Amino acid sequence: MKIITIALLCCPLSACLVGEGFPFTVERGVIIDHDRICISIDKKDIVDFYSLSSSKDNYKKEIINTGNAVLNYTYPQSCFLAPLQFGYEYTLLYTMNGQTYRYEFFIDLNGQIFHKK
């Protein structure tokens, strides 16, 4: 009985650590209009980094990556152009105010955009 109790106590604790190795887990709104992607920010927010990849090459090569340069993008400078193609999934990773965010979406063959949850 003691072993079962210890196992039940350890399982929830270990589950808390599972996502910590990948920091881009928080979702936040993004607006996508054709090839224009806009990160939803307030006037006081600062975007420092963003990266976009797609399922076209199994997420191996990033379509856009701002690299090590600190952007310091503020409102209204929160949009960028990206060559989005129909029929693929995309992952946008970005850092704003020191917090990391992720936004995943799919563009079907008709150009409809769907947020992945």
PDB file of N, CA and C in Angstrom:
ATOM      1  N   MET A   1       0.820  -1.192   0.000  1.00  0.00           N
ATOM      2  CA  MET A   1       0.000   0.000   0.000  1.00  0.00           C
ATOM      3  C   MET A   1       0.869   1.262   0.000  1.00  0.00           C
ATOM      4  N   LYS A   2       2.015   1.203   0.717  1.00  0.00           N
ATOM      5  CA  LYS A   2       2.897   2.359   0.763  1.00  0.00           C
ATOM      6  C   LYS A   2       3.485   2.660  -0.616  1.00  0.00           C
ATOM      7  N   ILE A   3       3.794   1.611  -1.378  1.00  0.00           N
ATOM      8  CA  ILE A   3       4.374   1.795  -2.711  1.00  0.00           C
ATOM      9  C   ILE A   3       3.364   2.474  -3.640  1.00  0.00           C
ATOM     10  N   ILE A   4       2.113   2.062  -3.565  1.00  0.00           N
ATOM     11  CA  ILE A   4       1.080   2.676  -4.402  1.00  0.00           C
ATOM     12  C   ILE A   4       0.890   4.137  -4.032  1.00  0.00           C
ATOM     13  N   THR A   5       0.899   4.445  -2.754  1.00  0.00           N
ATOM     14  CA  THR A   5       0.739   5.823  -2.297  1.00  0.00           C
ATOM     15  C   THR A   5       1.893   6.693  -2.777  1.00  0.00           C
ATOM     16  N   ILE A   6       3.109   6.202  -2.687  1.00  0.00           N
ATOM     17  CA  ILE A   6       4.277   6.953  -3.152  1.00  0.00           C
ATOM     18  C   ILE A   6       4.195   7.161  -4.661  1.00  0.00           C
ATOM     19  N   ALA A   7       3.802   6.126  -5.398  1.00  0.00           N
ATOM     20  CA  ALA A   7       3.684   6.236  -6.852  1.00  0.00           C
ATOM     21  C   ALA A   7       2.631   7.268  -7.240  1.00  0.00           C
ATOM     22  N   LEU A   8       1.516   7.282  -6.542  1.00  0.00           N
ATOM     23  CA  LEU A   8       0.463   8.246  -6.841  1.00  0.00           C
ATOM     24  C   LEU A   8       0.900   9.676  -6.524  1.00  0.00           C
ATOM     25  N   LEU A   9       1.731   9.855  -5.522  1.00  0.00           N
ATOM     26  CA  LEU A   9       2.224  11.182  -5.176  1.00  0.00           C
ATOM     27  C   LEU A   9       3.283  11.661  -6.166  1.00  0.00           C
ATOM     28  N   CYS A  10       4.084  10.757  -6.695  1.00  0.00           N
ATOM     29  CA  CYS A  10       5.160  11.121  -7.614  1.00  0.00           C
ATOM     30  C   CYS A  10       4.653  11.456  -9.016  1.00  0.00           C
ATOM     31  N   CYS A  11       3.615  10.792  -9.470  1.00  0.00           N
ATOM     32  CA  CYS A  11       3.123  10.999 -10.832  1.00  0.00           C
ATOM     33  C   CYS A  11       2.708  12.449 -11.099  1.00  0.00           C
ATOM     34  N   PRO A  12       1.897  13.075 -10.250  1.00  0.00           N
ATOM     35  CA  PRO A  12       1.547  14.460 -10.531  1.00  0.00           C
ATOM     36  C   PRO A  12       2.751  15.398 -10.486  1.00  0.00           C
ATOM     37  N   LEU A  13       3.691  15.126  -9.629  1.00  0.00           N
ATOM     38  CA  LEU A  13       4.869  15.974  -9.533  1.00  0.00           C
ATOM     39  C   LEU A  13       5.729  15.870 -10.779  1.00  0.00           C
ATOM     40  N   SER A  14       5.884  14.684 -11.309  1.00  0.00           N
ATOM     41  CA  SER A  14       6.711  14.517 -12.502  1.00  0.00           C
ATOM     42  C   SER A  14       6.022  15.097 -13.733  1.00  0.00           C
ATOM     43  N   ALA A  15       4.703  15.095 -13.776  1.00  0.00           N
ATOM     44  CA  ALA A  15       3.987  15.660 -14.921  1.00  0.00           C
ATOM     45  C   ALA A  15       4.209  17.161 -15.022  1.00  0.00           C
ATOM     46  N   CYS A  16       4.456  17.814 -13.917  1.00  0.00           N
ATOM     47  CA  CYS A  16       4.701  19.256 -13.941  1.00  0.00           C
ATOM     48  C   CYS A  16       6.002  19.593 -14.664  1.00  0.00           C
ATOM     49  N   LEU A  17       6.921  18.670 -14.723  1.00  0.00           N
ATOM     50  CA  LEU A  17       8.221  18.937 -15.314  1.00  0.00           C
ATOM     51  C   LEU A  17       8.285  18.615 -16.792  1.00  0.00           C
ATOM     52  N   VAL A  18       7.278  17.972 -17.347  1.00  0.00           N
ATOM     53  CA  VAL A  18       7.333  17.493 -18.716  1.00  0.00           C
ATOM     54  C   VAL A  18       7.528  18.624 -19.719  1.00  0.00           C
ATOM     55  N   GLY A  19       6.780  19.731 -19.631  1.00  0.00           N
ATOM     56  CA  GLY A  19       6.847  20.795 -20.614  1.00  0.00           C
ATOM     57  C   GLY A  19       7.939  21.814 -20.380  1.00  0.00           C
ATOM     58  N   GLU A  20       8.686  21.697 -19.320  1.00  0.00           N
ATOM     59  CA  GLU A  20       9.654  22.725 -18.989  1.00  0.00           C
ATOM     60  C   GLU A  20      10.868  22.742 -19.900  1.00  0.00           C
ATOM     61  N   GLY A  21      11.142  21.673 -20.628  1.00  0.00           N
ATOM     62  CA  GLY A  21      12.282  21.660 -21.532  1.00  0.00           C
ATOM     63  C   GLY A  21      12.022  22.461 -22.800  1.00  0.00           C
ATOM     64  N   PHE A  22      10.761  22.731 -23.124  1.00  0.00           N
ATOM     65  CA  PHE A  22      10.393  23.484 -24.318  1.00  0.00           C
ATOM     66  C   PHE A  22       9.667  24.744 -23.876  1.00  0.00           C
ATOM     67  N   PRO A  23      10.319  25.891 -23.914  1.00  0.00           N
ATOM     68  CA  PRO A  23       9.760  27.095 -23.302  1.00  0.00           C
ATOM     69  C   PRO A  23       8.596  27.743 -24.049  1.00  0.00           C
ATOM     70  N   PHE A  24       8.398  27.471 -25.336  1.00  0.00           N
ATOM     71  CA  PHE A  24       7.350  28.137 -26.102  1.00  0.00           C
ATOM     72  C   PHE A  24       6.035  27.378 -25.984  1.00  0.00           C
ATOM     73  N   THR A  25       5.379  27.486 -24.836  1.00  0.00           N
ATOM     74  CA  THR A  25       4.161  26.726 -24.615  1.00  0.00           C
ATOM     75  C   THR A  25       2.927  27.593 -24.424  1.00  0.00           C
ATOM     76  N   VAL A  26       3.085  28.867 -24.099  1.00  0.00           N
ATOM     77  CA  VAL A  26       1.951  29.748 -23.866  1.00  0.00           C
ATOM     78  C   VAL A  26       1.411  30.234 -25.209  1.00  0.00           C
ATOM     79  N   GLU A  27       0.072  30.210 -25.372  1.00  0.00           N
ATOM     80  CA  GLU A  27      -0.541  30.676 -26.599  1.00  0.00           C
ATOM     81  C   GLU A  27      -1.060  32.098 -26.417  1.00  0.00           C
ATOM     82  N   ARG A  28      -0.997  32.872 -27.496  1.00  0.00           N
ATOM     83  CA  ARG A  28      -1.514  34.238 -27.496  1.00  0.00           C
ATOM     84  C   ARG A  28      -1.982  34.543 -28.910  1.00  0.00           C
ATOM     85  N   GLY A  29      -2.897  35.476 -29.051  1.00  0.00           N
ATOM     86  CA  GLY A  29      -3.513  35.777 -30.331  1.00  0.00           C
ATOM     87  C   GLY A  29      -2.572  36.278 -31.402  1.00  0.00           C
ATOM     88  N   VAL A  30      -2.833  35.839 -32.624  1.00  0.00           N
ATOM     89  CA  VAL A  30      -2.102  36.254 -33.808  1.00  0.00           C
ATOM     90  C   VAL A  30      -3.139  36.473 -34.909  1.00  0.00           C
ATOM     91  N   ILE A  31      -2.924  37.484 -35.729  1.00  0.00           N
ATOM     92  CA  ILE A  31      -3.816  37.756 -36.852  1.00  0.00           C
ATOM     93  C   ILE A  31      -3.074  37.415 -38.135  1.00  0.00           C
ATOM     94  N   ILE A  32      -3.717  36.609 -38.988  1.00  0.00           N
ATOM     95  CA  ILE A  32      -3.097  36.197 -40.250  1.00  0.00           C
ATOM     96  C   ILE A  32      -4.002  36.650 -41.387  1.00  0.00           C
ATOM     97  N   ASP A  33      -3.445  37.429 -42.303  1.00  0.00           N
ATOM     98  CA  ASP A  33      -4.185  37.931 -43.454  1.00  0.00           C
ATOM     99  C   ASP A  33      -3.314  37.719 -44.688  1.00  0.00           C
ATOM    100  N   HIS A  34      -3.610  36.661 -45.428  1.00  0.00           N
ATOM    101  CA  HIS A  34      -2.811  36.248 -46.585  1.00  0.00           C
ATOM    102  C   HIS A  34      -1.359  35.993 -46.150  1.00  0.00           C
ATOM    103  N   ASP A  35      -0.411  36.768 -46.615  1.00  0.00           N
ATOM    104  CA  ASP A  35       1.001  36.573 -46.248  1.00  0.00           C
ATOM    105  C   ASP A  35       1.448  37.502 -45.119  1.00  0.00           C
ATOM    106  N   ARG A  36       0.531  38.164 -44.497  1.00  0.00           N
ATOM    107  CA  ARG A  36       0.843  39.111 -43.423  1.00  0.00           C
ATOM    108  C   ARG A  36       0.453  38.493 -42.080  1.00  0.00           C
ATOM    109  N   ILE A  37       1.419  38.410 -41.168  1.00  0.00           N
ATOM    110  CA  ILE A  37       1.193  37.871 -39.830  1.00  0.00           C
ATOM    111  C   ILE A  37       1.418  38.996 -38.825  1.00  0.00           C
ATOM    112  N   CYS A  38       0.440  39.205 -37.942  1.00  0.00           N
ATOM    113  CA  CYS A  38       0.528  40.256 -36.929  1.00  0.00           C
ATOM    114  C   CYS A  38       0.402  39.634 -35.541  1.00  0.00           C
ATOM    115  N   ILE A  39       1.373  39.892 -34.709  1.00  0.00           N
ATOM    116  CA  ILE A  39       1.344  39.433 -33.325  1.00  0.00           C
ATOM    117  C   ILE A  39       0.506  40.428 -32.537  1.00  0.00           C
ATOM    118  N   SER A  40      -0.452  39.924 -31.789  1.00  0.00           N
ATOM    119  CA  SER A  40      -1.341  40.778 -31.015  1.00  0.00           C
ATOM    120  C   SER A  40      -0.592  41.347 -29.799  1.00  0.00           C
ATOM    121  N   ILE A  41      -0.394  42.667 -29.802  1.00  0.00           N
ATOM    122  CA  ILE A  41       0.327  43.295 -28.702  1.00  0.00           C
ATOM    123  C   ILE A  41      -0.397  44.556 -28.245  1.00  0.00           C
ATOM    124  N   ASP A  42      -0.120  44.960 -27.014  1.00  0.00           N
ATOM    125  CA  ASP A  42      -0.600  46.221 -26.469  1.00  0.00           C
ATOM    126  C   ASP A  42       0.485  47.273 -26.671  1.00  0.00           C
ATOM    127  N   LYS A  43       0.149  48.521 -26.414  1.00  0.00           N
ATOM    128  CA  LYS A  43       1.108  49.614 -26.630  1.00  0.00           C
ATOM    129  C   LYS A  43       2.361  49.481 -25.773  1.00  0.00           C
ATOM    130  N   LYS A  44       2.257  48.830 -24.629  1.00  0.00           N
ATOM    131  CA  LYS A  44       3.417  48.704 -23.733  1.00  0.00           C
ATOM    132  C   LYS A  44       4.252  47.448 -23.995  1.00  0.00           C
ATOM    133  N   ASP A  45       3.774  46.550 -24.866  1.00  0.00           N
ATOM    134  CA  ASP A  45       4.468  45.289 -25.141  1.00  0.00           C
ATOM    135  C   ASP A  45       5.659  45.486 -26.076  1.00  0.00           C
ATOM    136  N   ILE A  46       6.658  44.604 -25.918  1.00  0.00           N
ATOM    137  CA  ILE A  46       7.846  44.626 -26.764  1.00  0.00           C
ATOM    138  C   ILE A  46       8.120  43.204 -27.262  1.00  0.00           C
ATOM    139  N   VAL A  47       8.151  43.031 -28.588  1.00  0.00           N
ATOM    140  CA  VAL A  47       8.474  41.744 -29.203  1.00  0.00           C
ATOM    141  C   VAL A  47       9.977  41.719 -29.473  1.00  0.00           C
ATOM    142  N   ASP A  48      10.643  40.712 -28.925  1.00  0.00           N
ATOM    143  CA  ASP A  48      12.105  40.616 -29.043  1.00  0.00           C
ATOM    144  C   ASP A  48      12.573  39.628 -30.108  1.00  0.00           C
ATOM    145  N   PHE A  49      11.755  38.609 -30.410  1.00  0.00           N
ATOM    146  CA  PHE A  49      12.196  37.521 -31.284  1.00  0.00           C
ATOM    147  C   PHE A  49      10.969  36.861 -31.896  1.00  0.00           C
ATOM    148  N   TYR A  50      11.093  36.364 -33.142  1.00  0.00           N
ATOM    149  CA  TYR A  50      10.075  35.482 -33.691  1.00  0.00           C
ATOM    150  C   TYR A  50      10.689  34.538 -34.714  1.00  0.00           C
ATOM    151  N   SER A  51      10.033  33.406 -34.869  1.00  0.00           N
ATOM    152  CA  SER A  51      10.484  32.367 -35.777  1.00  0.00           C
ATOM    153  C   SER A  51       9.249  31.666 -36.337  1.00  0.00           C
ATOM    154  N   LEU A  52       9.264  31.377 -37.628  1.00  0.00           N
ATOM    155  CA  LEU A  52       8.147  30.703 -38.280  1.00  0.00           C
ATOM    156  C   LEU A  52       8.669  29.506 -39.055  1.00  0.00           C
ATOM    157  N   SER A  53       8.040  28.352 -38.863  1.00  0.00           N
ATOM    158  CA  SER A  53       8.410  27.141 -39.610  1.00  0.00           C
ATOM    159  C   SER A  53       7.131  26.455 -40.083  1.00  0.00           C
ATOM    160  N   SER A  54       7.276  25.495 -41.014  1.00  0.00           N
ATOM    161  CA  SER A  54       6.091  24.833 -41.556  1.00  0.00           C
ATOM    162  C   SER A  54       6.292  23.332 -41.701  1.00  0.00           C
ATOM    163  N   SER A  55       5.163  22.663 -41.922  1.00  0.00           N
ATOM    164  CA  SER A  55       5.189  21.214 -42.115  1.00  0.00           C
ATOM    165  C   SER A  55       5.663  20.845 -43.519  1.00  0.00           C
ATOM    166  N   LYS A  56       5.849  21.821 -44.399  1.00  0.00           N
ATOM    167  CA  LYS A  56       6.278  21.536 -45.774  1.00  0.00           C
ATOM    168  C   LYS A  56       7.576  20.736 -45.793  1.00  0.00           C
ATOM    169  N   ASP A  57       8.497  21.091 -44.898  1.00  0.00           N
ATOM    170  CA  ASP A  57       9.762  20.352 -44.805  1.00  0.00           C
ATOM    171  C   ASP A  57       9.911  19.701 -43.426  1.00  0.00           C
ATOM    172  N   ASN A  58       8.760  19.392 -42.814  1.00  0.00           N
ATOM    173  CA  ASN A  58       8.726  18.741 -41.504  1.00  0.00           C
ATOM    174  C   ASN A  58       9.387  19.620 -40.424  1.00  0.00           C
ATOM    175  N   TYR A  59       9.211  20.927 -40.544  1.00  0.00           N
ATOM    176  CA  TYR A  59       9.698  21.919 -39.574  1.00  0.00           C
ATOM    177  C   TYR A  59      11.224  21.936 -39.443  1.00  0.00           C
ATOM    178  N   LYS A  60      11.937  21.441 -40.458  1.00  0.00           N
ATOM    179  CA  LYS A  60      13.400  21.377 -40.379  1.00  0.00           C
ATOM    180  C   LYS A  60      14.060  22.735 -40.623  1.00  0.00           C
ATOM    181  N   LYS A  61      13.508  23.517 -41.549  1.00  0.00           N
ATOM    182  CA  LYS A  61      14.102  24.812 -41.873  1.00  0.00           C
ATOM    183  C   LYS A  61      13.086  25.907 -41.548  1.00  0.00           C
ATOM    184  N   GLU A  62      13.540  26.931 -40.868  1.00  0.00           N
ATOM    185  CA  GLU A  62      12.652  28.022 -40.523  1.00  0.00           C
ATOM    186  C   GLU A  62      12.437  28.929 -41.736  1.00  0.00           C
ATOM    187  N   ILE A  63      11.209  29.334 -41.936  1.00  0.00           N
ATOM    188  CA  ILE A  63      10.874  30.247 -43.023  1.00  0.00           C
ATOM    189  C   ILE A  63      11.418  31.635 -42.688  1.00  0.00           C
ATOM    190  N   ILE A  64      11.225  32.025 -41.440  1.00  0.00           N
ATOM    191  CA  ILE A  64      11.716  33.308 -40.927  1.00  0.00           C
ATOM    192  C   ILE A  64      12.270  33.068 -39.535  1.00  0.00           C
ATOM    193  N   ASN A  65      13.414  33.672 -39.262  1.00  0.00           N
ATOM    194  CA  ASN A  65      13.996  33.612 -37.929  1.00  0.00           C
ATOM    195  C   ASN A  65      14.747  34.917 -37.709  1.00  0.00           C
ATOM    196  N   THR A  66      14.373  35.650 -36.682  1.00  0.00           N
ATOM    197  CA  THR A  66      15.027  36.935 -36.430  1.00  0.00           C
ATOM    198  C   THR A  66      16.399  36.760 -35.798  1.00  0.00           C
ATOM    199  N   GLY A  67      16.753  35.536 -35.461  1.00  0.00           N
ATOM    200  CA  GLY A  67      18.088  35.240 -34.942  1.00  0.00           C
ATOM    201  C   GLY A  67      18.368  35.842 -33.587  1.00  0.00           C
ATOM    202  N   ASN A  68      19.627  36.157 -33.358  1.00  0.00           N
ATOM    203  CA  ASN A  68      20.047  36.663 -32.051  1.00  0.00           C
ATOM    204  C   ASN A  68      19.829  38.162 -31.883  1.00  0.00           C
ATOM    205  N   ALA A  69      19.476  38.843 -32.948  1.00  0.00           N
ATOM    206  CA  ALA A  69      19.258  40.289 -32.850  1.00  0.00           C
ATOM    207  C   ALA A  69      18.017  40.566 -32.002  1.00  0.00           C
ATOM    208  N   VAL A  70      18.129  41.504 -31.083  1.00  0.00           N
ATOM    209  CA  VAL A  70      16.985  41.893 -30.264  1.00  0.00           C
ATOM    210  C   VAL A  70      16.170  42.903 -31.061  1.00  0.00           C
ATOM    211  N   LEU A  71      14.917  42.588 -31.341  1.00  0.00           N
ATOM    212  CA  LEU A  71      14.091  43.411 -32.215  1.00  0.00           C
ATOM    213  C   LEU A  71      13.573  44.686 -31.555  1.00  0.00           C
ATOM    214  N   ASN A  72      13.056  44.565 -30.344  1.00  0.00           N
ATOM    215  CA  ASN A  72      12.406  45.675 -29.641  1.00  0.00           C
ATOM    216  C   ASN A  72      11.257  46.263 -30.453  1.00  0.00           C
ATOM    217  N   TYR A  73      10.463  45.397 -31.092  1.00  0.00           N
ATOM    218  CA  TYR A  73       9.292  45.844 -31.837  1.00  0.00           C
ATOM    219  C   TYR A  73       8.198  46.238 -30.856  1.00  0.00           C
ATOM    220  N   THR A  74       7.607  47.380 -31.074  1.00  0.00           N
ATOM    221  CA  THR A  74       6.501  47.844 -30.241  1.00  0.00           C
ATOM    222  C   THR A  74       5.309  48.159 -31.137  1.00  0.00           C
ATOM    223  N   TYR A  75       4.183  48.449 -30.524  1.00  0.00           N
ATOM    224  CA  TYR A  75       2.971  48.802 -31.265  1.00  0.00           C
ATOM    225  C   TYR A  75       3.220  50.052 -32.079  1.00  0.00           C
ATOM    226  N   PRO A  76       2.873  50.147 -33.334  1.00  0.00           N
ATOM    227  CA  PRO A  76       2.129  49.180 -34.158  1.00  0.00           C
ATOM    228  C   PRO A  76       3.025  48.279 -34.999  1.00  0.00           C
ATOM    229  N   GLN A  77       4.301  48.213 -34.698  1.00  0.00           N
ATOM    230  CA  GLN A  77       5.272  47.445 -35.483  1.00  0.00           C
ATOM    231  C   GLN A  77       5.255  45.966 -35.091  1.00  0.00           C
ATOM    232  N   SER A  78       4.120  45.316 -35.234  1.00  0.00           N
ATOM    233  CA  SER A  78       4.004  43.923 -34.793  1.00  0.00           C
ATOM    234  C   SER A  78       3.681  42.968 -35.938  1.00  0.00           C
ATOM    235  N   CYS A  79       3.782  43.433 -37.183  1.00  0.00           N
ATOM    236  CA  CYS A  79       3.454  42.593 -38.334  1.00  0.00           C
ATOM    237  C   CYS A  79       4.693  42.320 -39.184  1.00  0.00           C
ATOM    238  N   PHE A  80       4.652  41.199 -39.882  1.00  0.00           N
ATOM    239  CA  PHE A  80       5.716  40.865 -40.825  1.00  0.00           C
ATOM    240  C   PHE A  80       5.126  40.042 -41.959  1.00  0.00           C
ATOM    241  N   LEU A  81       5.806  40.016 -43.071  1.00  0.00           N
ATOM    242  CA  LEU A  81       5.370  39.249 -44.230  1.00  0.00           C
ATOM    243  C   LEU A  81       6.065  37.891 -44.243  1.00  0.00           C
ATOM    244  N   ALA A  82       5.318  36.864 -44.641  1.00  0.00           N
ATOM    245  CA  ALA A  82       5.867  35.507 -44.720  1.00  0.00           C
ATOM    246  C   ALA A  82       5.251  34.804 -45.927  1.00  0.00           C
ATOM    247  N   PRO A  83       6.029  34.025 -46.650  1.00  0.00           N
ATOM    248  CA  PRO A  83       5.511  33.312 -47.825  1.00  0.00           C
ATOM    249  C   PRO A  83       4.709  32.069 -47.414  1.00  0.00           C
ATOM    250  N   LEU A  84       3.451  32.275 -47.051  1.00  0.00           N
ATOM    251  CA  LEU A  84       2.593  31.171 -46.600  1.00  0.00           C
ATOM    252  C   LEU A  84       1.982  30.459 -47.805  1.00  0.00           C
ATOM    253  N   GLN A  85       1.967  29.139 -47.755  1.00  0.00           N
ATOM    254  CA  GLN A  85       1.399  28.333 -48.830  1.00  0.00           C
ATOM    255  C   GLN A  85       0.235  27.517 -48.303  1.00  0.00           C
ATOM    256  N   PHE A  86      -0.734  27.277 -49.169  1.00  0.00           N
ATOM    257  CA  PHE A  86      -1.907  26.489 -48.805  1.00  0.00           C
ATOM    258  C   PHE A  86      -1.515  25.022 -48.597  1.00  0.00           C
ATOM    259  N   GLY A  87      -2.216  24.357 -47.673  1.00  0.00           N
ATOM    260  CA  GLY A  87      -2.045  22.929 -47.461  1.00  0.00           C
ATOM    261  C   GLY A  87      -0.982  22.551 -46.438  1.00  0.00           C
ATOM    262  N   TYR A  88      -0.525  23.512 -45.661  1.00  0.00           N
ATOM    263  CA  TYR A  88       0.529  23.218 -44.681  1.00  0.00           C
ATOM    264  C   TYR A  88       0.183  23.762 -43.299  1.00  0.00           C
ATOM    265  N   GLU A  89       0.807  23.160 -42.293  1.00  0.00           N
ATOM    266  CA  GLU A  89       0.712  23.632 -40.917  1.00  0.00           C
ATOM    267  C   GLU A  89       1.905  24.539 -40.642  1.00  0.00           C
ATOM    268  N   TYR A  90       1.709  25.508 -39.764  1.00  0.00           N
ATOM    269  CA  TYR A  90       2.756  26.462 -39.420  1.00  0.00           C
ATOM    270  C   TYR A  90       2.846  26.616 -37.908  1.00  0.00           C
ATOM    271  N   THR A  91       4.062  26.892 -37.438  1.00  0.00           N
ATOM    272  CA  THR A  91       4.291  27.183 -36.028  1.00  0.00           C
ATOM    273  C   THR A  91       5.046  28.497 -35.931  1.00  0.00           C
ATOM    274  N   LEU A  92       4.448  29.442 -35.204  1.00  0.00           N
ATOM    275  CA  LEU A  92       5.081  30.725 -34.929  1.00  0.00           C
ATOM    276  C   LEU A  92       5.513  30.720 -33.468  1.00  0.00           C
ATOM    277  N   LEU A  93       6.796  30.955 -33.244  1.00  0.00           N
ATOM    278  CA  LEU A  93       7.336  31.078 -31.894  1.00  0.00           C
ATOM    279  C   LEU A  93       7.813  32.515 -31.741  1.00  0.00           C
ATOM    280  N   TYR A  94       7.534  33.123 -30.598  1.00  0.00           N
ATOM    281  CA  TYR A  94       8.007  34.486 -30.388  1.00  0.00           C
ATOM    282  C   TYR A  94       8.173  34.799 -28.905  1.00  0.00           C
ATOM    283  N   THR A  95       8.986  35.807 -28.643  1.00  0.00           N
ATOM    284  CA  THR A  95       9.226  36.258 -27.280  1.00  0.00           C
ATOM    285  C   THR A  95       8.736  37.697 -27.169  1.00  0.00           C
ATOM    286  N   MET A  96       7.932  37.935 -26.142  1.00  0.00           N
ATOM    287  CA  MET A  96       7.403  39.269 -25.899  1.00  0.00           C
ATOM    288  C   MET A  96       7.470  39.548 -24.404  1.00  0.00           C
ATOM    289  N   ASN A  97       8.053  40.673 -24.053  1.00  0.00           N
ATOM    290  CA  ASN A  97       8.192  41.071 -22.646  1.00  0.00           C
ATOM    291  C   ASN A  97       8.884  39.986 -21.817  1.00  0.00           C
ATOM    292  N   GLY A  98       9.809  39.257 -22.422  1.00  0.00           N
ATOM    293  CA  GLY A  98      10.533  38.210 -21.716  1.00  0.00           C
ATOM    294  C   GLY A  98       9.780  36.894 -21.599  1.00  0.00           C
ATOM    295  N   GLN A  99       8.530  36.840 -22.050  1.00  0.00           N
ATOM    296  CA  GLN A  99       7.700  35.629 -22.005  1.00  0.00           C
ATOM    297  C   GLN A  99       7.709  34.989 -23.392  1.00  0.00           C
ATOM    298  N   THR A 100       7.777  33.675 -23.452  1.00  0.00           N
ATOM    299  CA  THR A 100       7.793  32.969 -24.726  1.00  0.00           C
ATOM    300  C   THR A 100       6.385  32.507 -25.106  1.00  0.00           C
ATOM    301  N   TYR A 101       6.065  32.583 -26.392  1.00  0.00           N
ATOM    302  CA  TYR A 101       4.735  32.240 -26.890  1.00  0.00           C
ATOM    303  C   TYR A 101       4.835  31.350 -28.118  1.00  0.00           C
ATOM    304  N   ARG A 102       3.734  30.635 -28.370  1.00  0.00           N
ATOM    305  CA  ARG A 102       3.624  29.735 -29.517  1.00  0.00           C
ATOM    306  C   ARG A 102       2.236  29.928 -30.115  1.00  0.00           C
ATOM    307  N   TYR A 103       2.173  29.916 -31.453  1.00  0.00           N
ATOM    308  CA  TYR A 103       0.890  29.948 -32.149  1.00  0.00           C
ATOM    309  C   TYR A 103       0.987  28.987 -33.328  1.00  0.00           C
ATOM    310  N   GLU A 104       0.086  28.019 -33.370  1.00  0.00           N
ATOM    311  CA  GLU A 104       0.091  27.025 -34.436  1.00  0.00           C
ATOM    312  C   GLU A 104      -1.178  27.169 -35.266  1.00  0.00           C
ATOM    313  N   PHE A 105      -1.023  27.095 -36.593  1.00  0.00           N
ATOM    314  CA  PHE A 105      -2.178  27.216 -37.465  1.00  0.00           C
ATOM    315  C   PHE A 105      -1.987  26.370 -38.717  1.00  0.00           C
ATOM    316  N   PHE A 106      -3.099  26.149 -39.407  1.00  0.00           N
ATOM    317  CA  PHE A 106      -3.125  25.348 -40.623  1.00  0.00           C
ATOM    318  C   PHE A 106      -3.842  26.154 -41.702  1.00  0.00           C
ATOM    319  N   ILE A 107      -3.323  26.126 -42.923  1.00  0.00           N
ATOM    320  CA  ILE A 107      -3.994  26.755 -44.062  1.00  0.00           C
ATOM    321  C   ILE A 107      -4.410  25.632 -45.007  1.00  0.00           C
ATOM    322  N   ASP A 108      -5.726  25.472 -45.175  1.00  0.00           N
ATOM    323  CA  ASP A 108      -6.185  24.379 -46.040  1.00  0.00           C
ATOM    324  C   ASP A 108      -5.976  24.742 -47.516  1.00  0.00           C
ATOM    325  N   LEU A 109      -6.326  23.842 -48.403  1.00  0.00           N
ATOM    326  CA  LEU A 109      -6.086  24.040 -49.833  1.00  0.00           C
ATOM    327  C   LEU A 109      -6.940  25.156 -50.435  1.00  0.00           C
ATOM    328  N   ASN A 110      -7.969  25.597 -49.712  1.00  0.00           N
ATOM    329  CA  ASN A 110      -8.817  26.700 -50.166  1.00  0.00           C
ATOM    330  C   ASN A 110      -8.391  28.042 -49.566  1.00  0.00           C
ATOM    331  N   GLY A 111      -7.335  28.037 -48.744  1.00  0.00           N
ATOM    332  CA  GLY A 111      -6.854  29.270 -48.138  1.00  0.00           C
ATOM    333  C   GLY A 111      -7.481  29.611 -46.800  1.00  0.00           C
ATOM    334  N   GLN A 112      -8.340  28.744 -46.285  1.00  0.00           N
ATOM    335  CA  GLN A 112      -8.939  28.959 -44.972  1.00  0.00           C
ATOM    336  C   GLN A 112      -7.884  28.710 -43.891  1.00  0.00           C
ATOM    337  N   ILE A 113      -7.848  29.580 -42.911  1.00  0.00           N
ATOM    338  CA  ILE A 113      -6.852  29.472 -41.824  1.00  0.00           C
ATOM    339  C   ILE A 113      -7.539  28.954 -40.572  1.00  0.00           C
ATOM    340  N   PHE A 114      -6.939  27.923 -39.971  1.00  0.00           N
ATOM    341  CA  PHE A 114      -7.483  27.318 -38.763  1.00  0.00           C
ATOM    342  C   PHE A 114      -6.423  27.327 -37.670  1.00  0.00           C
ATOM    343  N   HIS A 115      -6.805  27.790 -36.487  1.00  0.00           N
ATOM    344  CA  HIS A 115      -5.914  27.754 -35.328  1.00  0.00           C
ATOM    345  C   HIS A 115      -5.866  26.333 -34.804  1.00  0.00           C
ATOM    346  N   LYS A 116      -4.670  25.818 -34.589  1.00  0.00           N
ATOM    347  CA  LYS A 116      -4.510  24.485 -33.999  1.00  0.00           C
ATOM    348  C   LYS A 116      -4.429  24.622 -32.493  1.00  0.00           C
ATOM    349  N   LYS A 117      -5.099  23.747 -31.806  1.00  0.00           N
ATOM    350  CA  LYS A 117      -5.079  23.792 -30.343  1.00  0.00           C
ATOM    351  C   LYS A 117      -4.348  22.613 -29.799  1.00  0.00           C
TER     352      LYS A 117
END
